[in-house]
Amino acid sequence: MTVLALTSTRGAPGVTTTALALALAWPRAVLLVEADVSGSSSIKAGHLRGQAGPEPNIVDLAVAYRNNALNLTSLRASTIELPLDSSRAVLPGLVSAAQRISLTQDFWIALGALLVGLPNHGIDVIIDAGRRGMRSGPDPLLERADLFIAVSRTRLDDVVSVAANAADLRGPTDVAVDRVGTVLVGEGQPHSAPAVGRATGIPVWSTIAWDPVNAERLSGGKEINSRQRFDKSPLMRSARTAVDDLSRIYQRRQHVVAPPMGGRVHG
């Protein structure tokens, strides 16, 4: 797995919680990029329990880009280790929505080029892109992602929203190469994964358990006193399953877009 991007088409279906859970379940070092431009950093306010200062954050990298200094060194200086696992780091998002004027399309393009090189250094990337279609949003990051995921609940209004935005989510990408899919939060509440897949026309790649108690802990509502107990929660068990599911999707995609030597792509 290399670069994974998560977004939503409406409301708050749990993109940040899903991204955090996936990052903690990831099998190797990972950088979580908080690229949501809607407002202040949810991770600093929630998962880090408001104990981190306003800096560093993604605006530091925008400044570095303007000074021709956007590189691995400035990226590392702008990240914070996640408290539950020091091999997982986060690039925090904006302090306020007013700062998004600093996040130009040229900056996102340059940051995307930097992020896709991180797996060569043993670090995978998970991008929390927030809601799709925001002004100054990180579209260039989504275009560079190996897998692009719409996170959704299974209520009718959420399913209708994903279906209505299916063409935009796919973009010019041929869906046969498995780059765009959905991850459902609370599968079966009320609709099943197969039903959602049929209704939206976008494959359901995996599901995250509906576990509001532990989702609230992950978001800073209650302190996580036992990492071992938290790892056994429905939320984290489903996150580990989702990582396995996404790894299989990625490997399948690699055989389509980059078949082994001597192989051929079947149309």
Protein backbone atom coordinates (compact mmCIF):
# COMPACT_ATOMS: atom_id res chain seq x y z
CA MET A 1 0.00 0.00 0.00
CA THR A 2 1.24 3.50 -0.65
CA VAL A 3 -1.05 6.55 -0.72
CA LEU A 4 -4.67 6.33 0.41
CA ALA A 5 -7.14 9.26 0.32
CA LEU A 6 -10.48 9.49 2.15
CA THR A 7 -13.29 11.94 1.49
CA SER A 8 -17.06 12.27 1.93
CA THR A 9 -19.85 13.69 -0.20
CA ARG A 10 -21.97 15.12 2.62
CA GLY A 11 -22.21 15.74 6.33
CA ALA A 12 -19.89 14.03 8.79
CA PRO A 13 -19.93 10.26 8.16
CA GLY A 14 -16.71 9.69 10.09
CA VAL A 15 -13.86 10.42 7.68
CA THR A 16 -11.41 11.59 10.36
CA THR A 17 -12.26 8.77 12.78
CA THR A 18 -11.91 6.22 9.97
CA ALA A 19 -8.59 7.74 8.87
CA LEU A 20 -7.27 7.65 12.45
CA ALA A 21 -8.41 4.08 12.99
CA LEU A 22 -6.79 2.95 9.74
CA ALA A 23 -3.56 4.75 10.66
CA LEU A 24 -3.42 2.98 14.03
CA ALA A 25 -4.16 -0.38 12.39
CA TRP A 26 -1.61 0.11 9.62
CA PRO A 27 1.09 -2.61 9.42
CA ARG A 28 4.00 -0.20 9.00
CA ALA A 29 4.94 3.44 9.55
CA VAL A 30 2.32 5.85 8.22
CA LEU A 31 1.78 9.59 7.89
CA LEU A 32 -1.78 10.85 8.37
CA VAL A 33 -2.27 14.08 6.41
CA GLU A 34 -5.12 16.25 7.69
CA ALA A 35 -6.04 18.02 4.44
CA ASP A 36 -9.59 18.97 5.42
CA VAL A 37 -9.94 22.71 4.70
CA SER A 38 -13.33 23.18 6.39
CA GLY A 39 -11.99 24.53 9.68
CA SER A 40 -9.69 23.91 12.63
CA SER A 41 -7.78 20.65 13.05
CA SER A 42 -10.08 17.92 14.33
CA ILE A 43 -7.12 15.77 15.31
CA LYS A 44 -5.47 18.44 17.46
CA ALA A 45 -8.75 19.36 19.12
CA GLY A 46 -9.93 15.77 19.47
CA HIS A 47 -7.41 12.92 19.35
CA LEU A 48 -4.63 15.09 20.81
CA ARG A 49 -7.15 16.42 23.35
CA GLY A 50 -6.30 20.07 22.70
CA GLN A 51 -2.84 19.65 24.21
CA ALA A 52 -0.89 20.50 21.05
CA GLY A 53 -0.19 24.11 20.15
CA PRO A 54 -1.38 25.74 16.93
CA GLU A 55 1.93 24.93 15.26
CA PRO A 56 3.11 22.96 13.46
CA ASN A 57 0.41 22.56 10.84
CA ILE A 58 -0.04 22.30 7.10
CA VAL A 59 0.27 26.08 6.64
CA ASP A 60 3.95 25.75 7.62
CA LEU A 61 4.41 23.64 4.51
CA ALA A 62 2.58 26.21 2.37
CA VAL A 63 5.08 28.79 3.62
CA ALA A 64 7.95 26.39 2.89
CA TYR A 65 6.60 25.93 -0.64
CA ARG A 66 6.56 29.70 -1.25
CA ASN A 67 10.19 29.80 -0.05
CA ASN A 68 11.21 26.90 -2.32
CA ALA A 69 11.84 24.78 0.77
CA LEU A 70 9.09 22.14 0.54
CA ASN A 71 11.02 18.92 1.09
CA LEU A 72 11.33 15.93 3.41
CA THR A 73 13.00 18.05 6.08
CA SER A 74 10.24 20.67 6.20
CA LEU A 75 7.61 17.91 6.05
CA ARG A 76 9.10 16.11 9.06
CA ALA A 77 9.33 19.39 10.97
CA SER A 78 5.59 19.94 10.43
CA THR A 79 4.43 16.57 11.78
CA ILE A 80 3.51 15.33 15.26
CA GLU A 81 3.74 11.75 16.54
CA LEU A 82 0.41 10.17 17.45
CA PRO A 83 0.32 9.49 21.20
CA LEU A 84 -0.77 5.84 20.90
CA ASP A 85 2.06 4.86 18.55
CA SER A 86 5.20 6.84 17.76
CA SER A 87 5.58 5.12 14.36
CA ARG A 88 2.43 6.95 13.24
CA ALA A 89 2.64 10.68 12.66
CA VAL A 90 0.12 13.34 11.67
CA LEU A 91 0.50 16.45 9.56
CA PRO A 92 -2.10 18.63 11.36
CA GLY A 93 -4.60 20.65 9.40
CA LEU A 94 -5.57 24.30 9.52
CA VAL A 95 -5.96 26.27 12.72
CA SER A 96 -8.96 28.05 11.17
CA ALA A 97 -10.80 28.04 7.86
CA ALA A 98 -9.42 31.53 7.15
CA GLN A 99 -5.99 29.97 6.60
CA ARG A 100 -7.10 27.99 3.57
CA ILE A 101 -6.25 30.93 1.33
CA SER A 102 -2.64 29.78 1.78
CA LEU A 103 -3.40 26.37 0.29
CA THR A 104 -3.20 27.04 -3.43
CA GLN A 105 -3.57 24.44 -6.15
CA ASP A 106 0.14 24.77 -6.93
CA PHE A 107 0.93 23.98 -3.30
CA TRP A 108 -1.32 20.90 -3.31
CA ILE A 109 0.35 19.68 -6.50
CA ALA A 110 3.82 20.11 -4.98
CA LEU A 111 2.77 18.44 -1.72
CA GLY A 112 1.26 15.53 -3.66
CA ALA A 113 4.53 15.01 -5.51
CA LEU A 114 6.35 14.92 -2.17
CA LEU A 115 3.89 12.53 -0.52
CA VAL A 116 3.95 9.92 -3.29
CA GLY A 117 7.68 9.54 -2.67
CA LEU A 118 7.30 8.73 1.04
CA PRO A 119 6.67 4.99 0.54
CA ASN A 120 10.20 4.79 -0.89
CA HIS A 121 11.33 5.86 2.59
CA GLY A 122 9.22 3.20 4.31
CA ILE A 123 6.30 5.51 5.17
CA ASP A 124 2.81 5.08 3.73
CA VAL A 125 0.33 7.97 3.55
CA ILE A 126 -3.33 8.30 4.57
CA ILE A 127 -5.00 11.56 3.52
CA ASP A 128 -8.06 12.90 5.35
CA ALA A 129 -9.46 15.14 2.63
CA GLY A 130 -12.67 16.07 4.44
CA ARG A 131 -15.76 16.86 2.41
CA ARG A 132 -15.48 16.74 -1.36
CA GLY A 133 -15.78 19.99 -3.33
CA MET A 134 -14.60 22.51 -0.73
CA ARG A 135 -13.02 25.75 -1.96
CA SER A 136 -9.20 25.45 -1.93
CA GLY A 137 -9.65 21.72 -1.34
CA PRO A 138 -6.88 19.14 -1.87
CA ASP A 139 -8.06 17.75 -5.22
CA PRO A 140 -4.48 17.30 -6.54
CA LEU A 141 -3.73 15.03 -3.57
CA LEU A 142 -6.75 12.89 -4.38
CA GLU A 143 -5.63 12.59 -7.98
CA ARG A 144 -2.23 11.24 -6.88
CA ALA A 145 -3.65 8.68 -4.43
CA ASP A 146 -3.36 5.00 -5.27
CA LEU A 147 -6.78 4.37 -3.71
CA PHE A 148 -9.49 7.03 -3.42
CA ILE A 149 -12.22 6.24 -0.89
CA ALA A 150 -15.61 7.81 -0.20
CA VAL A 151 -16.54 7.20 3.45
CA SER A 152 -20.29 6.95 3.96
CA ARG A 153 -22.98 5.83 6.37
CA THR A 154 -25.67 3.51 4.99
CA ARG A 155 -28.71 5.73 5.59
CA LEU A 156 -30.74 6.57 2.53
CA ASP A 157 -29.67 10.23 2.37
CA ASP A 158 -25.98 9.27 2.53
CA VAL A 159 -26.37 6.60 -0.14
CA VAL A 160 -28.25 9.00 -2.41
CA SER A 161 -25.45 11.58 -1.96
CA VAL A 162 -22.74 9.10 -2.97
CA ALA A 163 -24.80 7.98 -5.96
CA ALA A 164 -25.38 11.59 -7.06
CA ASN A 165 -21.64 12.31 -6.86
CA ALA A 166 -20.44 9.03 -8.33
CA ALA A 167 -19.28 10.53 -11.62
CA ASP A 168 -17.36 13.27 -9.82
CA LEU A 169 -15.71 10.73 -7.51
CA ARG A 170 -14.62 8.58 -10.42
CA GLY A 171 -13.41 11.49 -12.52
CA PRO A 172 -11.72 10.38 -15.72
CA THR A 173 -10.51 7.16 -14.06
CA ASP A 174 -11.67 3.88 -15.52
CA VAL A 175 -13.43 2.14 -12.62
CA ALA A 176 -12.14 -1.20 -13.91
CA VAL A 177 -8.73 -0.40 -12.44
CA ASP A 178 -10.10 -0.29 -8.89
CA ARG A 179 -8.95 3.18 -7.83
CA VAL A 180 -12.27 4.49 -6.48
CA GLY A 181 -14.43 2.75 -3.89
CA THR A 182 -16.38 3.24 -0.68
CA VAL A 183 -15.88 2.29 2.95
CA LEU A 184 -19.13 2.10 4.89
CA VAL A 185 -19.48 3.08 8.54
CA GLY A 186 -22.18 1.04 10.26
CA GLU A 187 -22.93 -1.47 7.52
CA GLY A 188 -26.50 -2.76 7.83
CA GLN A 189 -27.77 0.35 9.62
CA PRO A 190 -30.03 0.18 7.77
CA HIS A 191 -28.69 -0.83 4.33
CA SER A 192 -26.27 -3.62 3.45
CA ALA A 193 -22.98 -3.25 1.60
CA PRO A 194 -24.27 -5.06 -1.53
CA ALA A 195 -27.34 -2.81 -1.61
CA VAL A 196 -25.20 0.33 -1.29
CA GLY A 197 -22.87 -0.88 -4.03
CA ARG A 198 -25.79 -1.48 -6.39
CA ALA A 199 -27.39 1.88 -5.59
CA THR A 200 -24.23 3.97 -6.03
CA GLY A 201 -22.47 2.05 -8.79
CA ILE A 202 -19.26 2.30 -6.77
CA PRO A 203 -17.78 -0.85 -5.22
CA VAL A 204 -17.86 -1.21 -1.45
CA TRP A 205 -14.32 -2.13 -0.47
CA SER A 206 -14.76 -2.56 3.26
CA THR A 207 -16.73 -1.55 6.35
CA ILE A 208 -16.02 0.09 9.70
CA ALA A 209 -18.04 -1.00 12.72
CA TRP A 210 -20.61 1.33 14.22
CA ASP A 211 -18.90 1.76 17.61
CA PRO A 212 -19.74 5.25 18.91
CA VAL A 213 -18.20 4.65 22.36
CA ASN A 214 -14.73 3.89 21.02
CA ALA A 215 -15.05 6.38 18.15
CA GLU A 216 -15.61 9.00 20.83
CA ARG A 217 -12.50 7.80 22.69
CA LEU A 218 -10.46 8.03 19.50
CA SER A 219 -11.78 11.57 19.00
CA GLY A 220 -10.76 12.65 22.48
CA GLY A 221 -14.09 12.41 24.28
CA LYS A 222 -12.72 9.97 26.84
CA GLU A 223 -9.13 9.06 27.50
CA ILE A 224 -7.91 5.69 26.20
CA ASN A 225 -6.60 4.13 29.41
CA SER A 226 -5.70 0.74 27.96
CA ARG A 227 -4.31 0.45 24.43
CA GLN A 228 -4.70 -3.34 24.60
CA ARG A 229 -8.40 -3.07 25.46
CA PHE A 230 -8.96 -0.37 22.84
CA ASP A 231 -7.30 -2.54 20.17
CA LYS A 232 -9.89 -5.25 20.91
CA SER A 233 -12.81 -2.86 20.36
CA PRO A 234 -15.21 -3.38 17.43
CA LEU A 235 -13.85 -0.17 15.90
CA MET A 236 -10.24 -1.31 15.82
CA ARG A 237 -11.01 -4.90 14.87
CA SER A 238 -12.94 -3.61 11.86
CA ALA A 239 -10.13 -1.17 11.04
CA ARG A 240 -7.62 -4.03 10.88
CA THR A 241 -9.98 -5.96 8.62
CA ALA A 242 -10.39 -2.84 6.45
CA VAL A 243 -6.60 -2.51 6.13
CA ASP A 244 -6.44 -6.12 4.92
CA ASP A 245 -9.30 -5.50 2.48
CA LEU A 246 -7.68 -2.35 1.10
CA SER A 247 -4.32 -4.10 0.77
CA ARG A 248 -5.96 -6.75 -1.41
CA ILE A 249 -7.64 -4.06 -3.52
CA TYR A 250 -4.30 -2.31 -3.94
CA GLN A 251 -2.53 -5.50 -4.97
CA ARG A 252 -5.29 -6.31 -7.46
CA ARG A 253 -5.04 -2.80 -8.89
CA GLN A 254 -1.27 -3.15 -9.25
CA HIS A 255 -1.73 -6.23 -11.40
CA VAL A 256 -3.99 -4.19 -13.70
CA VAL A 257 -2.02 -0.95 -13.99
CA ALA A 258 1.46 -2.51 -13.65
CA PRO A 259 1.25 -6.20 -14.58
CA PRO A 260 4.21 -8.47 -13.80
CA MET A 261 6.95 -8.75 -16.41
CA GLY A 262 5.69 -10.89 -19.24
CA GLY A 263 2.06 -10.43 -18.20
CA ARG A 264 -0.61 -8.62 -20.13
CA VAL A 265 -3.70 -6.64 -19.23
CA HIS A 266 -6.96 -8.34 -20.17
CA GLY A 267 -9.64 -6.01 -21.48
